[in-house]
Protein backbone atom coordinates (compact mmCIF):
# COMPACT_ATOMS: atom_id res chain seq x y z
CA MET A 1 28.40 0.61 34.13
CA SER A 2 26.17 3.47 33.01
CA PRO A 3 22.37 2.95 32.76
CA ALA A 4 22.58 3.43 28.98
CA MET A 5 25.25 0.72 28.65
CA ALA A 6 23.25 -1.62 30.86
CA MET A 7 20.16 -1.08 28.73
CA ASN A 8 22.16 -1.78 25.56
CA ASP A 9 23.53 -5.00 27.08
CA GLU A 10 20.02 -6.01 28.07
CA ARG A 11 18.81 -5.36 24.52
CA SER A 12 21.68 -7.45 23.11
CA GLU A 13 20.82 -10.38 25.37
CA ASP A 14 17.14 -10.03 24.50
CA CYS A 15 17.94 -9.93 20.79
CA HIS A 16 20.09 -13.04 21.06
CA ALA A 17 17.27 -14.90 22.76
CA ILE A 18 14.77 -14.18 20.01
CA GLU A 19 17.03 -13.93 16.94
CA SER A 20 15.95 -17.37 15.76
CA GLU A 21 12.31 -16.38 16.23
CA TYR A 22 11.85 -13.07 14.45
CA HIS A 23 11.66 -14.59 10.97
CA LYS A 24 8.41 -16.16 12.15
CA GLY A 25 6.89 -12.70 12.37
CA VAL A 26 6.41 -9.95 14.92
CA LYS A 27 2.94 -11.34 15.75
CA HIS A 28 4.64 -14.55 16.91
CA LEU A 29 7.07 -12.60 19.10
CA TYR A 30 4.17 -10.67 20.60
CA GLU A 31 2.23 -13.86 21.32
CA LYS A 32 5.26 -15.48 22.97
CA GLY A 33 5.64 -12.51 25.31
CA TYR A 34 9.15 -11.68 24.11
CA LEU A 35 8.47 -8.04 23.40
CA HIS A 36 9.01 -6.08 26.61
CA LYS A 37 11.17 -3.71 24.58
CA VAL A 38 11.88 -3.23 20.87
CA PRO A 39 14.64 -5.62 19.72
CA LYS A 40 17.56 -4.07 17.85
CA LYS A 41 16.40 -5.75 14.63
CA TYR A 42 13.32 -3.50 14.69
CA MET A 43 14.98 -0.28 15.82
CA PHE A 44 15.10 2.28 13.03
CA PRO A 45 18.02 4.71 12.73
CA ALA A 46 17.40 7.80 14.86
CA SER A 47 16.86 9.99 11.77
CA GLU A 48 14.04 7.72 10.55
CA ARG A 49 12.15 7.23 13.80
CA PRO A 50 8.79 8.84 14.56
CA THR A 51 10.38 11.04 17.23
CA LYS A 52 8.45 13.12 19.70
CA SER A 53 9.12 16.27 17.70
CA MET A 54 7.76 14.51 14.61
CA ASP A 55 4.74 13.40 16.59
CA ASP A 56 4.18 16.96 17.74
CA ASP A 57 4.30 18.16 14.14
CA SER A 58 1.89 15.51 12.98
CA ASN A 59 -0.51 16.18 15.85
CA VAL A 60 -0.74 19.81 14.84
CA ALA A 61 -1.05 18.85 11.20
CA LYS A 62 -3.85 16.39 11.95
CA GLU A 63 -6.08 19.29 12.96
CA ASN A 64 -5.25 21.31 9.85
CA LEU A 65 -4.98 18.65 7.14
CA GLN A 66 -8.14 17.27 5.61
CA LEU A 67 -7.45 14.72 2.94
CA PRO A 68 -9.77 15.48 0.01
CA ILE A 69 -13.01 13.52 0.26
CA ILE A 70 -14.44 12.29 -3.03
CA ASP A 71 -18.08 11.24 -3.05
CA PHE A 72 -18.42 8.28 -5.38
CA THR A 73 -22.08 9.08 -6.07
CA ASP A 74 -20.97 12.42 -7.53
CA LEU A 75 -18.47 10.67 -9.82
CA ILE A 76 -21.24 8.58 -11.38
CA GLY A 77 -24.02 11.15 -11.13
CA PRO A 78 -25.03 14.59 -12.42
CA ASN A 79 -22.27 16.32 -10.43
CA ARG A 80 -19.55 14.43 -12.34
CA LEU A 81 -17.78 17.49 -13.78
CA GLN A 82 -17.40 19.09 -10.38
CA ALA A 83 -16.31 15.76 -8.88
CA LEU A 84 -13.71 15.35 -11.64
CA GLU A 85 -12.22 18.74 -10.75
CA SER A 86 -12.00 17.68 -7.10
CA LEU A 87 -10.47 14.37 -8.15
CA ALA A 88 -7.84 16.05 -10.33
CA ASN A 89 -6.92 18.42 -7.50
CA ALA A 90 -6.62 15.54 -5.04
CA CYS A 91 -4.40 13.52 -7.39
CA GLU A 92 -2.21 16.47 -8.28
CA GLN A 93 -1.85 18.11 -4.87
CA TYR A 94 -1.97 15.18 -2.45
CA GLY A 95 -1.68 11.88 -4.34
CA PHE A 96 -4.25 10.62 -1.82
CA PHE A 97 -7.98 11.00 -1.20
CA GLN A 98 -10.71 9.35 0.84
CA LEU A 99 -13.57 7.80 -1.12
CA VAL A 100 -17.02 7.69 0.50
CA ASN A 101 -20.43 6.37 -0.62
CA HIS A 102 -18.66 3.84 -2.84
CA ASN A 103 -21.50 1.29 -3.03
CA ILE A 104 -19.56 -1.49 -1.30
CA SER A 105 -21.73 -2.38 1.66
CA ASP A 106 -20.73 -1.98 5.29
CA ASP A 107 -21.26 -5.72 5.71
CA ILE A 108 -18.58 -6.54 3.12
CA THR A 109 -16.02 -4.05 4.43
CA ARG A 110 -16.56 -5.03 8.06
CA SER A 111 -16.42 -8.73 7.22
CA SER A 112 -13.17 -8.22 5.30
CA ILE A 113 -11.43 -6.50 8.21
CA ASP A 114 -12.85 -9.08 10.59
CA VAL A 115 -11.75 -12.17 8.64
CA ALA A 116 -8.28 -10.65 8.09
CA GLY A 117 -7.93 -10.17 11.84
CA ARG A 118 -9.11 -13.72 12.49
CA PHE A 119 -6.51 -15.07 10.08
CA PHE A 120 -3.74 -13.40 12.08
CA ASP A 121 -5.26 -14.86 15.25
CA LEU A 122 -4.70 -18.39 13.94
CA PRO A 123 -1.91 -20.44 15.52
CA LEU A 124 1.51 -19.88 13.96
CA GLU A 125 1.41 -23.39 12.50
CA GLU A 126 -1.56 -22.37 10.33
CA ARG A 127 -0.08 -19.05 9.23
CA ALA A 128 3.33 -20.60 8.61
CA LYS A 129 1.88 -22.81 5.86
CA TYR A 130 2.02 -19.73 3.62
CA MET A 131 5.43 -18.40 4.67
CA THR A 132 7.78 -17.93 1.74
CA THR A 133 10.46 -15.49 0.64
CA ASP A 134 9.41 -15.91 -3.01
CA MET A 135 8.05 -12.50 -4.02
CA ARG A 136 6.30 -14.09 -7.02
CA ALA A 137 4.28 -16.51 -4.88
CA ALA A 138 0.50 -16.40 -5.38
CA VAL A 139 0.02 -16.60 -1.59
CA ARG A 140 2.69 -15.23 0.69
CA TYR A 141 2.79 -14.76 4.45
CA GLY A 142 5.70 -12.82 5.83
CA THR A 143 6.96 -10.03 8.01
CA SER A 144 8.50 -6.60 7.43
CA PHE A 145 8.97 -6.00 3.66
CA SER A 146 11.59 -8.60 2.84
CA GLN A 147 12.86 -10.99 5.49
CA THR A 148 16.01 -11.65 3.46
CA LYS A 149 16.90 -8.08 2.43
CA ASP A 150 15.75 -5.72 5.18
CA SER A 151 18.52 -4.69 7.57
CA VAL A 152 15.83 -3.35 9.93
CA PHE A 153 12.49 -5.10 10.22
CA CYS A 154 9.16 -3.29 10.21
CA TRP A 155 6.61 -3.92 12.98
CA ARG A 156 4.21 -5.74 10.65
CA ASP A 157 3.10 -9.14 9.46
CA PHE A 158 1.26 -9.50 6.16
CA LEU A 159 -0.60 -11.91 3.92
CA LYS A 160 -0.39 -11.20 0.18
CA LEU A 161 -2.87 -12.74 -2.25
CA ILE A 162 -2.78 -12.60 -6.06
CA CYS A 163 -6.38 -12.11 -7.21
CA ASN A 164 -6.70 -12.09 -10.98
CA PRO A 165 -8.21 -14.23 -12.37
CA LEU A 166 -10.08 -15.01 -9.15
CA PRO A 167 -11.24 -18.56 -10.00
CA ASP A 168 -7.62 -19.59 -10.56
CA PHE A 169 -6.27 -18.26 -7.27
CA VAL A 170 -9.02 -18.50 -4.65
CA PRO A 171 -8.57 -22.28 -4.15
CA HIS A 172 -4.94 -21.62 -3.13
CA TRP A 173 -5.88 -19.05 -0.48
CA PRO A 174 -6.08 -20.01 3.20
CA ALA A 175 -9.00 -22.33 3.96
CA SER A 176 -9.03 -21.15 7.56
CA PRO A 177 -10.91 -19.25 8.89
CA LEU A 178 -13.67 -21.22 7.17
CA ASP A 179 -15.23 -18.12 5.59
CA PHE A 180 -11.90 -16.58 4.51
CA GLN A 181 -12.04 -17.49 0.82
CA GLU A 182 -15.68 -16.50 0.37
CA VAL A 183 -15.40 -13.15 2.16
CA VAL A 184 -12.10 -12.10 0.61
CA ALA A 185 -13.10 -13.18 -2.91
CA SER A 186 -16.25 -11.07 -2.69
CA TYR A 187 -14.20 -8.13 -1.43
CA ALA A 188 -11.63 -8.55 -4.22
CA GLU A 189 -14.36 -8.61 -6.86
CA LYS A 190 -16.05 -5.48 -5.49
CA THR A 191 -12.81 -3.52 -5.18
CA LYS A 192 -11.81 -4.47 -8.74
CA HIS A 193 -15.02 -2.94 -10.13
CA LEU A 194 -14.55 0.12 -7.94
CA PHE A 195 -10.96 0.56 -9.13
CA LEU A 196 -12.02 0.46 -12.79
CA THR A 197 -14.69 3.11 -12.24
CA ILE A 198 -12.21 5.37 -10.42
CA MET A 199 -9.65 4.88 -13.20
CA GLU A 200 -12.17 5.91 -15.87
CA ALA A 201 -12.70 9.12 -13.93
CA ILE A 202 -8.94 9.66 -13.50
CA LEU A 203 -8.36 9.21 -17.23
CA GLU A 204 -11.08 11.75 -17.94
CA SER A 205 -9.52 14.15 -15.41
CA LEU A 206 -6.23 13.78 -17.32
CA GLY A 207 -7.95 14.60 -20.61
CA ILE A 208 -7.53 11.07 -21.96
CA MET A 209 -10.75 9.90 -23.55
CA GLU A 210 -10.73 6.20 -24.27
CA GLU A 211 -13.18 6.31 -27.18
CA GLU A 212 -11.11 8.99 -28.89
CA ALA A 213 -7.97 6.93 -28.26
CA LYS A 214 -9.51 3.87 -29.86
CA GLU A 215 -10.66 5.83 -32.91
CA ASN A 216 -7.20 7.25 -33.41
CA ASP A 217 -5.42 3.96 -32.80
CA ASN A 218 -4.72 3.26 -36.45
CA ASN A 219 -1.29 1.81 -35.67
CA ASN A 220 -2.63 -0.65 -33.09
CA ASN A 221 -0.52 0.96 -30.37
CA ASN A 222 -2.80 -0.44 -27.66
CA ASN A 223 -3.92 2.96 -26.39
CA ASN A 224 -6.91 1.35 -24.73
CA ILE A 225 -5.50 1.42 -21.23
CA MET A 226 -8.87 0.55 -19.67
CA LYS A 227 -8.94 -2.77 -21.49
CA GLU A 228 -5.50 -3.60 -20.13
CA LEU A 229 -6.50 -2.57 -16.62
CA ASP A 230 -9.65 -4.67 -16.82
CA ASN A 231 -7.41 -7.68 -17.43
CA GLY A 232 -4.77 -6.33 -15.10
CA SER A 233 -3.12 -7.40 -11.90
CA GLN A 234 -4.75 -7.21 -8.49
CA MET A 235 -3.08 -8.06 -5.22
CA LEU A 236 -4.69 -7.97 -1.80
CA VAL A 237 -2.42 -7.34 1.16
CA THR A 238 -3.80 -7.82 4.65
CA ASN A 239 -1.64 -6.20 7.32
CA PHE A 240 -1.40 -6.78 11.06
CA TYR A 241 0.44 -4.40 13.41
CA PRO A 242 0.67 -5.69 17.02
CA PRO A 243 0.92 -3.31 19.97
CA CYS A 244 4.48 -2.08 20.43
CA PRO A 245 6.21 -1.41 23.77
CA GLU A 246 8.32 1.45 22.35
CA PRO A 247 6.52 2.85 19.30
CA ASP A 248 8.91 5.81 19.01
CA LEU A 249 11.75 3.45 18.01
CA THR A 250 10.17 1.62 15.07
CA LEU A 251 7.61 1.77 12.26
CA GLY A 252 4.90 -0.52 10.97
CA MET A 253 6.02 0.37 7.44
CA HIS A 254 8.94 2.54 6.45
CA PRO A 255 8.38 5.42 3.98
CA HIS A 256 7.54 4.02 0.55
CA SER A 257 5.36 4.53 -2.49
CA ASP A 258 3.18 1.83 -4.05
CA TYR A 259 4.28 0.37 -7.38
CA GLY A 260 0.94 0.05 -9.22
CA PHE A 261 -1.70 2.40 -10.63
CA LEU A 262 -3.95 2.75 -7.59
CA THR A 263 -4.18 1.32 -4.09
CA LEU A 264 -7.52 1.13 -2.29
CA LEU A 265 -6.91 0.84 1.44
CA LEU A 266 -9.51 -0.23 3.99
CA GLN A 267 -8.46 0.28 7.60
CA ASP A 268 -9.98 -0.34 11.00
CA GLU A 269 -10.65 2.46 13.47
CA VAL A 270 -7.05 2.55 14.77
CA GLU A 271 -5.07 5.36 13.17
CA GLY A 272 -1.51 4.79 11.99
CA LEU A 273 -1.26 5.68 8.30
CA GLN A 274 0.75 8.83 7.62
CA ILE A 275 1.46 10.59 4.35
CA GLN A 276 4.24 13.04 3.57
CA TYR A 277 2.78 16.39 2.63
CA GLN A 278 4.81 19.60 2.36
CA ASP A 279 7.75 17.86 4.10
CA LYS A 280 5.67 16.87 7.13
CA TRP A 281 4.25 13.53 8.18
CA LEU A 282 0.50 13.85 8.52
CA THR A 283 -1.78 11.28 10.11
CA VAL A 284 -4.79 10.12 8.10
CA GLN A 285 -7.88 9.95 10.26
CA PRO A 286 -9.88 6.79 9.52
CA ILE A 287 -13.40 7.39 8.21
CA PRO A 288 -15.74 4.45 8.81
CA ASN A 289 -16.34 2.43 5.62
CA ALA A 290 -14.25 4.83 3.51
CA PHE A 291 -11.37 3.85 1.25
CA VAL A 292 -8.08 5.69 1.34
CA VAL A 293 -7.05 5.79 -2.34
CA ASN A 294 -3.51 6.64 -3.39
CA ILE A 295 -1.59 7.11 -6.62
CA GLY A 296 1.04 4.46 -7.37
CA ASP A 297 4.31 4.67 -9.29
CA HIS A 298 2.76 3.24 -12.47
CA LEU A 299 0.15 5.99 -12.61
CA GLU A 300 2.87 8.59 -12.06
CA ILE A 301 4.68 7.11 -15.07
CA PHE A 302 1.51 6.84 -17.16
CA SER A 303 0.49 10.44 -16.36
CA ASN A 304 4.04 11.54 -17.26
CA GLY A 305 4.46 13.00 -13.79
CA LYS A 306 1.25 15.01 -13.58
CA TYR A 307 -0.14 12.78 -10.83
CA LYS A 308 2.59 11.70 -8.41
CA SER A 309 2.85 8.77 -6.04
CA VAL A 310 3.41 9.99 -2.50
CA LEU A 311 5.53 8.63 0.31
CA HIS A 312 3.56 7.11 3.16
CA ARG A 313 4.41 5.12 6.27
CA VAL A 314 2.67 3.45 9.21
CA LEU A 315 3.03 4.23 12.91
CA VAL A 316 2.40 1.70 15.66
CA ASN A 317 1.16 2.25 19.21
CA LYS A 318 1.37 0.73 22.68
CA ALA A 319 -2.29 0.05 23.28
CA LYS A 320 -3.94 -1.46 20.21
CA SER A 321 -3.26 -3.73 17.29
CA ARG A 322 -4.21 -2.43 13.84
CA VAL A 323 -5.57 -4.29 10.80
CA SER A 324 -5.80 -3.02 7.23
CA VAL A 325 -6.59 -4.52 3.83
CA ALA A 326 -4.96 -2.97 0.75
CA SER A 327 -6.07 -3.74 -2.81
CA LEU A 328 -3.28 -2.90 -5.28
CA HIS A 329 -4.14 -2.59 -8.97
CA SER A 330 -2.09 -2.24 -12.13
CA LEU A 331 -1.61 -3.60 -15.66
CA PRO A 332 -1.07 -7.32 -16.23
CA PHE A 333 2.31 -8.45 -14.89
CA ASP A 334 3.63 -9.02 -18.42
CA CYS A 335 2.62 -5.57 -19.73
CA THR A 336 4.81 -2.50 -20.15
CA VAL A 337 3.97 0.77 -18.41
CA ARG A 338 4.85 3.93 -20.32
CA PRO A 339 3.79 7.59 -20.33
CA SER A 340 0.59 8.15 -22.29
CA PRO A 341 1.38 9.64 -25.74
CA LYS A 342 -1.50 12.07 -25.17
CA LEU A 343 0.41 13.62 -22.27
CA ILE A 344 3.70 14.10 -24.14
CA ASP A 345 4.50 17.18 -26.23
CA GLU A 346 7.29 19.73 -26.65
CA GLU A 347 6.47 21.42 -23.36
CA ASN A 348 6.07 18.09 -21.57
CA PRO A 349 8.69 15.65 -22.88
CA LYS A 350 8.67 12.02 -21.89
CA ARG A 351 9.92 11.88 -18.30
CA TYR A 352 10.09 8.13 -17.57
CA MET A 353 11.51 5.03 -19.17
CA ASP A 354 9.14 2.26 -20.14
CA THR A 355 9.04 -0.35 -17.38
CA ASP A 356 7.42 -3.64 -16.46
CA PHE A 357 6.76 -5.78 -13.42
CA ALA A 358 9.81 -7.95 -14.07
CA SER A 359 12.05 -4.87 -13.82
CA PHE A 360 10.40 -3.95 -10.53
CA LEU A 361 10.86 -7.45 -9.09
CA ALA A 362 14.48 -7.58 -10.23
CA TYR A 363 15.10 -4.23 -8.53
CA VAL A 364 13.45 -5.01 -5.19
CA SER A 365 14.84 -8.56 -5.10
CA THR A 366 18.42 -7.37 -5.01
CA ARG A 367 18.26 -4.46 -2.55
CA GLU A 368 16.29 -2.86 0.23
CA THR A 369 13.36 -0.81 -1.02
CA LYS A 370 13.63 2.75 0.20
CA LYS A 371 11.29 5.64 -0.41
CA LYS A 372 10.76 6.07 -4.19
CA ASP A 373 14.09 4.61 -5.28
CA PHE A 374 12.66 2.35 -7.97
CA LEU A 375 10.66 5.15 -9.58
CA GLU A 376 13.66 7.45 -9.41
CA SER A 377 15.63 4.81 -11.32
CA ARG A 378 13.09 5.01 -14.15
CA LYS A 379 13.27 8.79 -14.62
CA LEU A 380 14.70 10.28 -17.79
CA PRO A 381 16.61 13.55 -17.83
CA TYR A 382 14.45 16.45 -18.99
CA THR A 383 14.93 17.41 -22.62
């Protein structure tokens, strides 16, 4: 028997031994000591793996790529016009930027990463209380993207928390660690205010002035997008990526775009996030206490394609676990997202169908989510 065949047989036996376990999460497999090699369930097709050649490309790109850095104090200060130009360029060219000096204290950001990590350190019995395959659940602990739909699992466990309105949902969040609810609620509140301020700036960078929209809204067309966003949806997603024995064979998250308006990502010091830029995967270097902000599908629709959501993925590594906390923001779940009328004219016809959260859930509940498939399904032919 060849060495390759022997290795495949060994993988098959290993997979059989843990097949009943992997729905409990990759963190559980790691804790049990099962993961001396990547099980077949987590092995991505060769064309989708972060191969050595891809790593070489991204290592070169890391030195050359600098994600735009937006200073929040400039957005709310006398340098606003210049900051808006930088913001527009970041949204149009990259779909991503790093936000610094955002007025959320180091204590809050550090505590949020810390308490998220401590949640994943709880015994499986505690974490499993929140395990569900219901994508509409207010609190959901799971693994990969969808345990029931994914043919290949991602090297990630997550905890998803619906946040708005906070008083309604916080009591349903995990009560352990003891400070979890208090710390995460404070973080959710701060990131919601930050999101709204960033969105005001983005609307201005798009040439959409809310006051003008309200004055011209004689037909009650609900042009006041900021009011809807203020009452909109917020979901926190805490992610845990254990060390991986063969990181070249799998991914922490496969390439995808986010569905909402904006995502504000807080990450620890371990790098892993990559974005696709000019057909290359580029690693985002963590900046202490900075947020990585990215455009979601809903903002691409609302901006009629001027600002585009961008594919991103997550690498894993042999040596260290990685923790991140993502705050995803959009309109209320029962609202419709459509291109802004102010961004539609003869030269720029409407490019996307109106959509809503129910359509998104129906789509992702019946198939594997891949790349920007859902957004592609909402595109209209150019006229």
